[in-house]
Amino acid sequence: MSRKEEFQVIFKGFQKNNIFRNNVPDFILKSLTTQIFIIADNWIIHNSLAFKLNKDEAVNHYVDPDGPVPLLTEEQQNLYEQKYILES
């Protein structure tokens, strides 16, 4: 199984376990996989070619703390907010 397929299985599991909303279209889940690969594998190279941001600026640019929130169920959004937003 490829990394891409593994992520799709994980995302479908998130939907099955009511972490992600069930009505998230497949093309969004596939796009999310691509975004994960870009961030995890290529953000340093992308930054050096496209933006040339210093380390702190690059981290702020590439990290979106609300990134997964629209995909989460309402219950998971509340948990996310309590854990990562209200505690900050």
C-alpha atoms as a PDB file:
ATOM      1  CA  MET A   1       0.000   0.000   0.000  1.00  0.00           C
ATOM      2  CA  SER A   2       1.367   3.418  -0.951  1.00  0.00           C
ATOM      3  CA  ARG A   3       1.631   6.355   1.439  1.00  0.00           C
ATOM      4  CA  LYS A   4      -1.203   8.045  -0.446  1.00  0.00           C
ATOM      5  CA  GLU A   5      -3.449   5.009  -0.005  1.00  0.00           C
ATOM      6  CA  GLU A   6      -2.494   4.759   3.678  1.00  0.00           C
ATOM      7  CA  PHE A   7      -3.611   8.352   4.273  1.00  0.00           C
ATOM      8  CA  GLN A   8      -6.895   7.714   2.474  1.00  0.00           C
ATOM      9  CA  VAL A   9      -7.517   4.704   4.730  1.00  0.00           C
ATOM     10  CA  ILE A  10      -6.728   6.854   7.786  1.00  0.00           C
ATOM     11  CA  PHE A  11      -9.095   9.610   6.633  1.00  0.00           C
ATOM     12  CA  LYS A  12     -11.888   7.115   5.924  1.00  0.00           C
ATOM     13  CA  GLY A  13     -11.290   5.730   9.419  1.00  0.00           C
ATOM     14  CA  PHE A  14     -11.610   9.259  10.806  1.00  0.00           C
ATOM     15  CA  GLN A  15     -14.977   9.514   9.059  1.00  0.00           C
ATOM     16  CA  LYS A  16     -16.097   6.106  10.309  1.00  0.00           C
ATOM     17  CA  ASN A  17     -15.119   7.061  13.873  1.00  0.00           C
ATOM     18  CA  ASN A  18     -16.846  10.472  13.697  1.00  0.00           C
ATOM     19  CA  ILE A  19     -13.640  12.487  13.802  1.00  0.00           C
ATOM     20  CA  PHE A  20     -14.029  13.841  10.251  1.00  0.00           C
ATOM     21  CA  ARG A  21     -17.438  14.750   8.885  1.00  0.00           C
ATOM     22  CA  ASN A  22     -18.963  12.056   6.684  1.00  0.00           C
ATOM     23  CA  ASN A  23     -19.869  14.505   3.907  1.00  0.00           C
ATOM     24  CA  VAL A  24     -16.307  15.537   3.073  1.00  0.00           C
ATOM     25  CA  PRO A  25     -15.928  14.812  -0.658  1.00  0.00           C
ATOM     26  CA  ASP A  26     -13.216  12.393  -1.790  1.00  0.00           C
ATOM     27  CA  PHE A  27     -11.480  15.119  -3.800  1.00  0.00           C
ATOM     28  CA  ILE A  28     -11.003  17.123  -0.584  1.00  0.00           C
ATOM     29  CA  LEU A  29      -9.531  14.094   1.196  1.00  0.00           C
ATOM     30  CA  LYS A  30      -7.194  13.475  -1.754  1.00  0.00           C
ATOM     31  CA  SER A  31      -6.196  17.141  -1.742  1.00  0.00           C
ATOM     32  CA  LEU A  32      -5.501  16.913   1.982  1.00  0.00           C
ATOM     33  CA  THR A  33      -3.108  14.035   1.312  1.00  0.00           C
ATOM     34  CA  THR A  34      -1.270  16.154  -1.264  1.00  0.00           C
ATOM     35  CA  GLN A  35      -1.089  19.059   1.188  1.00  0.00           C
ATOM     36  CA  ILE A  36       0.355  16.764   3.864  1.00  0.00           C
ATOM     37  CA  PHE A  37       3.042  15.568   1.446  1.00  0.00           C
ATOM     38  CA  ILE A  38       3.915  19.129   0.416  1.00  0.00           C
ATOM     39  CA  ILE A  39       4.199  20.299   3.997  1.00  0.00           C
ATOM     40  CA  ALA A  40       5.923  17.224   5.401  1.00  0.00           C
ATOM     41  CA  ASP A  41       8.275  16.524   2.509  1.00  0.00           C
ATOM     42  CA  ASN A  42       8.859  19.751   0.646  1.00  0.00           C
ATOM     43  CA  TRP A  43       8.134  22.848   2.693  1.00  0.00           C
ATOM     44  CA  ILE A  44      11.802  23.646   3.385  1.00  0.00           C
ATOM     45  CA  ILE A  45      12.722  23.402  -0.310  1.00  0.00           C
ATOM     46  CA  HIS A  46       9.549  25.257  -1.323  1.00  0.00           C
ATOM     47  CA  ASN A  47      10.369  28.060   1.101  1.00  0.00           C
ATOM     48  CA  SER A  48      13.963  28.340  -0.097  1.00  0.00           C
ATOM     49  CA  LEU A  49      12.794  28.625  -3.719  1.00  0.00           C
ATOM     50  CA  ALA A  50       9.588  30.636  -3.397  1.00  0.00           C
ATOM     51  CA  PHE A  51       9.708  32.811  -0.294  1.00  0.00           C
ATOM     52  CA  LYS A  52      13.142  32.712   1.358  1.00  0.00           C
ATOM     53  CA  LEU A  53      11.520  33.277   4.762  1.00  0.00           C
ATOM     54  CA  ASN A  54      13.585  32.901   7.893  1.00  0.00           C
ATOM     55  CA  LYS A  55      12.858  29.899  10.104  1.00  0.00           C
ATOM     56  CA  ASP A  56      10.198  31.527  12.328  1.00  0.00           C
ATOM     57  CA  GLU A  57       8.446  33.241   9.411  1.00  0.00           C
ATOM     58  CA  ALA A  58       8.430  29.984   7.434  1.00  0.00           C
ATOM     59  CA  VAL A  59       6.909  27.992  10.287  1.00  0.00           C
ATOM     60  CA  ASN A  60       4.189  30.628  10.712  1.00  0.00           C
ATOM     61  CA  HIS A  61       3.531  30.637   6.969  1.00  0.00           C
ATOM     62  CA  TYR A  62       3.290  26.872   6.530  1.00  0.00           C
ATOM     63  CA  VAL A  63       1.494  25.946   9.754  1.00  0.00           C
ATOM     64  CA  ASP A  64      -2.241  26.626   9.795  1.00  0.00           C
ATOM     65  CA  PRO A  65      -3.560  25.816  13.281  1.00  0.00           C
ATOM     66  CA  ASP A  66      -7.129  25.773  11.967  1.00  0.00           C
ATOM     67  CA  GLY A  67      -6.266  23.632   8.936  1.00  0.00           C
ATOM     68  CA  PRO A  68      -8.206  20.484   9.847  1.00  0.00           C
ATOM     69  CA  VAL A  69     -11.089  22.191  11.652  1.00  0.00           C
ATOM     70  CA  PRO A  70     -13.568  22.355   8.717  1.00  0.00           C
ATOM     71  CA  LEU A  71     -13.187  18.603   8.224  1.00  0.00           C
ATOM     72  CA  LEU A  72     -13.959  17.719  11.834  1.00  0.00           C
ATOM     73  CA  THR A  73     -17.348  16.820  13.245  1.00  0.00           C
ATOM     74  CA  GLU A  74     -18.884  19.421  15.556  1.00  0.00           C
ATOM     75  CA  GLU A  75     -17.897  17.373  18.611  1.00  0.00           C
ATOM     76  CA  GLN A  76     -14.301  17.071  17.412  1.00  0.00           C
ATOM     77  CA  GLN A  77     -14.209  20.802  16.560  1.00  0.00           C
ATOM     78  CA  ASN A  78     -15.192  21.567  20.156  1.00  0.00           C
ATOM     79  CA  LEU A  79     -12.499  19.227  21.496  1.00  0.00           C
ATOM     80  CA  TYR A  80      -9.929  20.779  19.146  1.00  0.00           C
ATOM     81  CA  GLU A  81     -10.926  24.276  20.268  1.00  0.00           C
ATOM     82  CA  GLN A  82     -10.707  23.352  23.950  1.00  0.00           C
ATOM     83  CA  LYS A  83      -7.336  21.646  23.577  1.00  0.00           C
ATOM     84  CA  TYR A  84      -5.502  23.886  21.126  1.00  0.00           C
ATOM     85  CA  ILE A  85      -7.192  27.268  21.070  1.00  0.00           C
ATOM     86  CA  LEU A  86      -8.609  27.964  24.520  1.00  0.00           C
ATOM     87  CA  GLU A  87      -5.576  26.544  26.337  1.00  0.00           C
ATOM     88  CA  SER A  88      -3.207  28.812  24.389  1.00  0.00           C
END
